[in-house]
Amino acid sequence: MNLMSYVTYVFQAYFGYPKDKAHKLMLDVHHKGRATVSSGSREEMERDVQAMHGYGLWATLSQDR
């Protein structure tokens, strides 16, 4: 379990999102259990997933259909 402020901080620090966008994504995770926080090549996404794990956040990789 992570504090909402910490998740918002991670989204800002790692992805460079402005506070408002990071907060909205955090609320999506909080209420819906998931949010798409990044997109790109498989290699980029694998790097982002590992980074989120490094911050202690649960993250998965999925392909858009």
N, C-alpha and C. Protein backbone atom coordinates (compact mmCIF):
# COMPACT_ATOMS: atom_id res chain seq x y z
N MET A 1 0.85 -1.17 0.00
CA MET A 1 0.00 0.00 0.00
C MET A 1 0.90 1.24 0.00
N ASN A 2 0.59 2.18 -0.86
CA ASN A 2 1.37 3.41 -0.97
C ASN A 2 0.49 4.63 -0.72
N LEU A 3 1.08 5.65 -0.14
CA LEU A 3 0.37 6.90 0.05
C LEU A 3 0.07 7.53 -1.30
N MET A 4 -1.10 8.16 -1.41
CA MET A 4 -1.48 8.82 -2.65
C MET A 4 -0.45 9.87 -3.03
N SER A 5 0.05 10.61 -2.05
CA SER A 5 1.03 11.65 -2.33
C SER A 5 2.33 11.06 -2.89
N TYR A 6 2.69 9.87 -2.43
CA TYR A 6 3.90 9.21 -2.93
C TYR A 6 3.73 8.78 -4.39
N VAL A 7 2.58 8.20 -4.71
CA VAL A 7 2.32 7.78 -6.09
C VAL A 7 2.34 8.99 -7.01
N THR A 8 1.70 10.08 -6.59
CA THR A 8 1.71 11.32 -7.36
C THR A 8 3.15 11.80 -7.56
N TYR A 9 3.94 11.77 -6.50
CA TYR A 9 5.34 12.18 -6.58
C TYR A 9 6.11 11.33 -7.60
N VAL A 10 5.93 10.02 -7.55
CA VAL A 10 6.64 9.13 -8.48
C VAL A 10 6.27 9.46 -9.92
N PHE A 11 4.99 9.66 -10.19
CA PHE A 11 4.56 9.99 -11.56
C PHE A 11 5.17 11.31 -12.02
N GLN A 12 5.31 12.25 -11.10
CA GLN A 12 5.94 13.53 -11.45
C GLN A 12 7.44 13.36 -11.65
N ALA A 13 8.09 12.68 -10.71
CA ALA A 13 9.55 12.57 -10.73
C ALA A 13 10.04 11.70 -11.89
N TYR A 14 9.40 10.57 -12.11
CA TYR A 14 9.89 9.65 -13.13
C TYR A 14 9.42 10.03 -14.53
N PHE A 15 8.12 10.29 -14.67
CA PHE A 15 7.57 10.56 -16.00
C PHE A 15 7.58 12.04 -16.36
N GLY A 16 7.82 12.90 -15.39
CA GLY A 16 7.85 14.34 -15.65
C GLY A 16 6.48 14.97 -15.82
N TYR A 17 5.45 14.29 -15.31
CA TYR A 17 4.10 14.82 -15.44
C TYR A 17 3.90 16.03 -14.53
N PRO A 18 3.11 17.01 -14.99
CA PRO A 18 2.74 18.11 -14.09
C PRO A 18 1.91 17.54 -12.93
N LYS A 19 1.86 18.28 -11.83
CA LYS A 19 1.18 17.79 -10.63
C LYS A 19 -0.27 17.40 -10.91
N ASP A 20 -0.99 18.19 -11.68
CA ASP A 20 -2.41 17.90 -11.95
C ASP A 20 -2.58 16.57 -12.69
N LYS A 21 -1.75 16.33 -13.71
CA LYS A 21 -1.87 15.07 -14.46
C LYS A 21 -1.45 13.89 -13.59
N ALA A 22 -0.38 14.04 -12.83
CA ALA A 22 0.07 12.97 -11.94
C ALA A 22 -1.02 12.64 -10.92
N HIS A 23 -1.67 13.67 -10.40
CA HIS A 23 -2.74 13.46 -9.41
C HIS A 23 -3.92 12.73 -10.05
N LYS A 24 -4.29 13.12 -11.27
CA LYS A 24 -5.41 12.45 -11.96
C LYS A 24 -5.09 10.97 -12.19
N LEU A 25 -3.87 10.68 -12.64
CA LEU A 25 -3.48 9.29 -12.86
C LEU A 25 -3.49 8.50 -11.56
N MET A 26 -3.02 9.12 -10.48
CA MET A 26 -3.04 8.47 -9.18
C MET A 26 -4.47 8.15 -8.77
N LEU A 27 -5.40 9.09 -9.00
CA LEU A 27 -6.81 8.84 -8.66
C LEU A 27 -7.39 7.71 -9.50
N ASP A 28 -7.00 7.62 -10.77
CA ASP A 28 -7.43 6.50 -11.61
C ASP A 28 -6.97 5.18 -11.00
N VAL A 29 -5.72 5.14 -10.59
CA VAL A 29 -5.19 3.92 -9.97
C VAL A 29 -5.96 3.62 -8.68
N HIS A 30 -6.21 4.65 -7.89
CA HIS A 30 -6.88 4.47 -6.60
C HIS A 30 -8.32 3.96 -6.78
N HIS A 31 -9.05 4.56 -7.72
CA HIS A 31 -10.47 4.22 -7.88
C HIS A 31 -10.72 3.05 -8.83
N LYS A 32 -9.94 2.95 -9.89
CA LYS A 32 -10.17 1.93 -10.91
C LYS A 32 -9.20 0.75 -10.80
N GLY A 33 -8.14 0.93 -10.02
CA GLY A 33 -7.16 -0.13 -9.86
C GLY A 33 -6.09 -0.15 -10.93
N ARG A 34 -6.16 0.78 -11.87
CA ARG A 34 -5.17 0.84 -12.94
C ARG A 34 -5.24 2.18 -13.67
N ALA A 35 -4.17 2.49 -14.35
CA ALA A 35 -4.11 3.67 -15.21
C ALA A 35 -2.98 3.44 -16.21
N THR A 36 -3.15 3.95 -17.41
CA THR A 36 -2.08 3.91 -18.39
C THR A 36 -1.22 5.14 -18.14
N VAL A 37 -0.01 4.92 -17.66
CA VAL A 37 0.86 6.05 -17.32
C VAL A 37 1.95 6.28 -18.35
N SER A 38 2.11 5.33 -19.27
CA SER A 38 3.16 5.46 -20.27
C SER A 38 2.82 4.59 -21.47
N SER A 39 3.37 4.95 -22.62
CA SER A 39 3.21 4.13 -23.82
C SER A 39 4.46 4.29 -24.66
N GLY A 40 4.70 3.32 -25.52
CA GLY A 40 5.88 3.37 -26.37
C GLY A 40 6.30 1.98 -26.79
N SER A 41 7.58 1.85 -27.10
CA SER A 41 8.09 0.55 -27.53
C SER A 41 8.12 -0.42 -26.36
N ARG A 42 8.18 -1.69 -26.68
CA ARG A 42 8.23 -2.72 -25.62
C ARG A 42 9.42 -2.48 -24.69
N GLU A 43 10.56 -2.14 -25.25
CA GLU A 43 11.75 -1.90 -24.44
C GLU A 43 11.54 -0.74 -23.48
N GLU A 44 10.92 0.34 -23.98
CA GLU A 44 10.65 1.50 -23.12
C GLU A 44 9.69 1.13 -21.99
N MET A 45 8.67 0.36 -22.34
CA MET A 45 7.68 -0.02 -21.33
C MET A 45 8.27 -0.96 -20.29
N GLU A 46 9.12 -1.88 -20.73
CA GLU A 46 9.78 -2.77 -19.77
C GLU A 46 10.65 -1.96 -18.80
N ARG A 47 11.32 -0.94 -19.33
CA ARG A 47 12.14 -0.07 -18.48
C ARG A 47 11.25 0.68 -17.48
N ASP A 48 10.11 1.19 -17.94
CA ASP A 48 9.20 1.92 -17.05
C ASP A 48 8.62 1.01 -15.97
N VAL A 49 8.25 -0.22 -16.34
CA VAL A 49 7.72 -1.17 -15.36
C VAL A 49 8.78 -1.44 -14.29
N GLN A 50 10.01 -1.68 -14.71
CA GLN A 50 11.08 -1.93 -13.74
C GLN A 50 11.31 -0.72 -12.84
N ALA A 51 11.21 0.47 -13.42
CA ALA A 51 11.38 1.68 -12.62
C ALA A 51 10.29 1.79 -11.56
N MET A 52 9.04 1.50 -11.95
CA MET A 52 7.94 1.56 -10.98
C MET A 52 8.16 0.54 -9.87
N HIS A 53 8.64 -0.64 -10.21
CA HIS A 53 8.96 -1.65 -9.20
C HIS A 53 10.06 -1.12 -8.27
N GLY A 54 11.02 -0.40 -8.83
CA GLY A 54 12.09 0.18 -8.03
C GLY A 54 11.58 1.20 -7.02
N TYR A 55 10.49 1.88 -7.38
CA TYR A 55 9.85 2.83 -6.47
C TYR A 55 8.89 2.12 -5.50
N GLY A 56 8.76 0.82 -5.65
CA GLY A 56 7.86 0.07 -4.77
C GLY A 56 6.42 0.06 -5.24
N LEU A 57 6.18 0.41 -6.50
CA LEU A 57 4.83 0.42 -7.05
C LEU A 57 4.61 -0.82 -7.91
N TRP A 58 3.38 -1.30 -7.93
CA TRP A 58 3.01 -2.43 -8.76
C TRP A 58 2.75 -1.91 -10.16
N ALA A 59 3.33 -2.53 -11.16
CA ALA A 59 3.13 -2.10 -12.55
C ALA A 59 3.20 -3.32 -13.45
N THR A 60 2.41 -3.28 -14.51
CA THR A 60 2.43 -4.35 -15.50
C THR A 60 2.50 -3.73 -16.89
N LEU A 61 2.81 -4.57 -17.83
CA LEU A 61 2.92 -4.18 -19.23
C LEU A 61 1.80 -4.88 -19.99
N SER A 62 1.06 -4.13 -20.80
CA SER A 62 0.04 -4.76 -21.63
C SER A 62 0.04 -4.09 -22.99
N GLN A 63 -0.39 -4.85 -23.97
CA GLN A 63 -0.43 -4.37 -25.35
C GLN A 63 -1.81 -3.83 -25.64
N ASP A 64 -1.86 -2.63 -26.25
CA ASP A 64 -3.15 -2.07 -26.68
C ASP A 64 -3.70 -2.92 -27.80
N ARG A 65 -5.01 -3.03 -27.82
CA ARG A 65 -5.66 -3.80 -28.89
C ARG A 65 -6.52 -2.90 -29.72
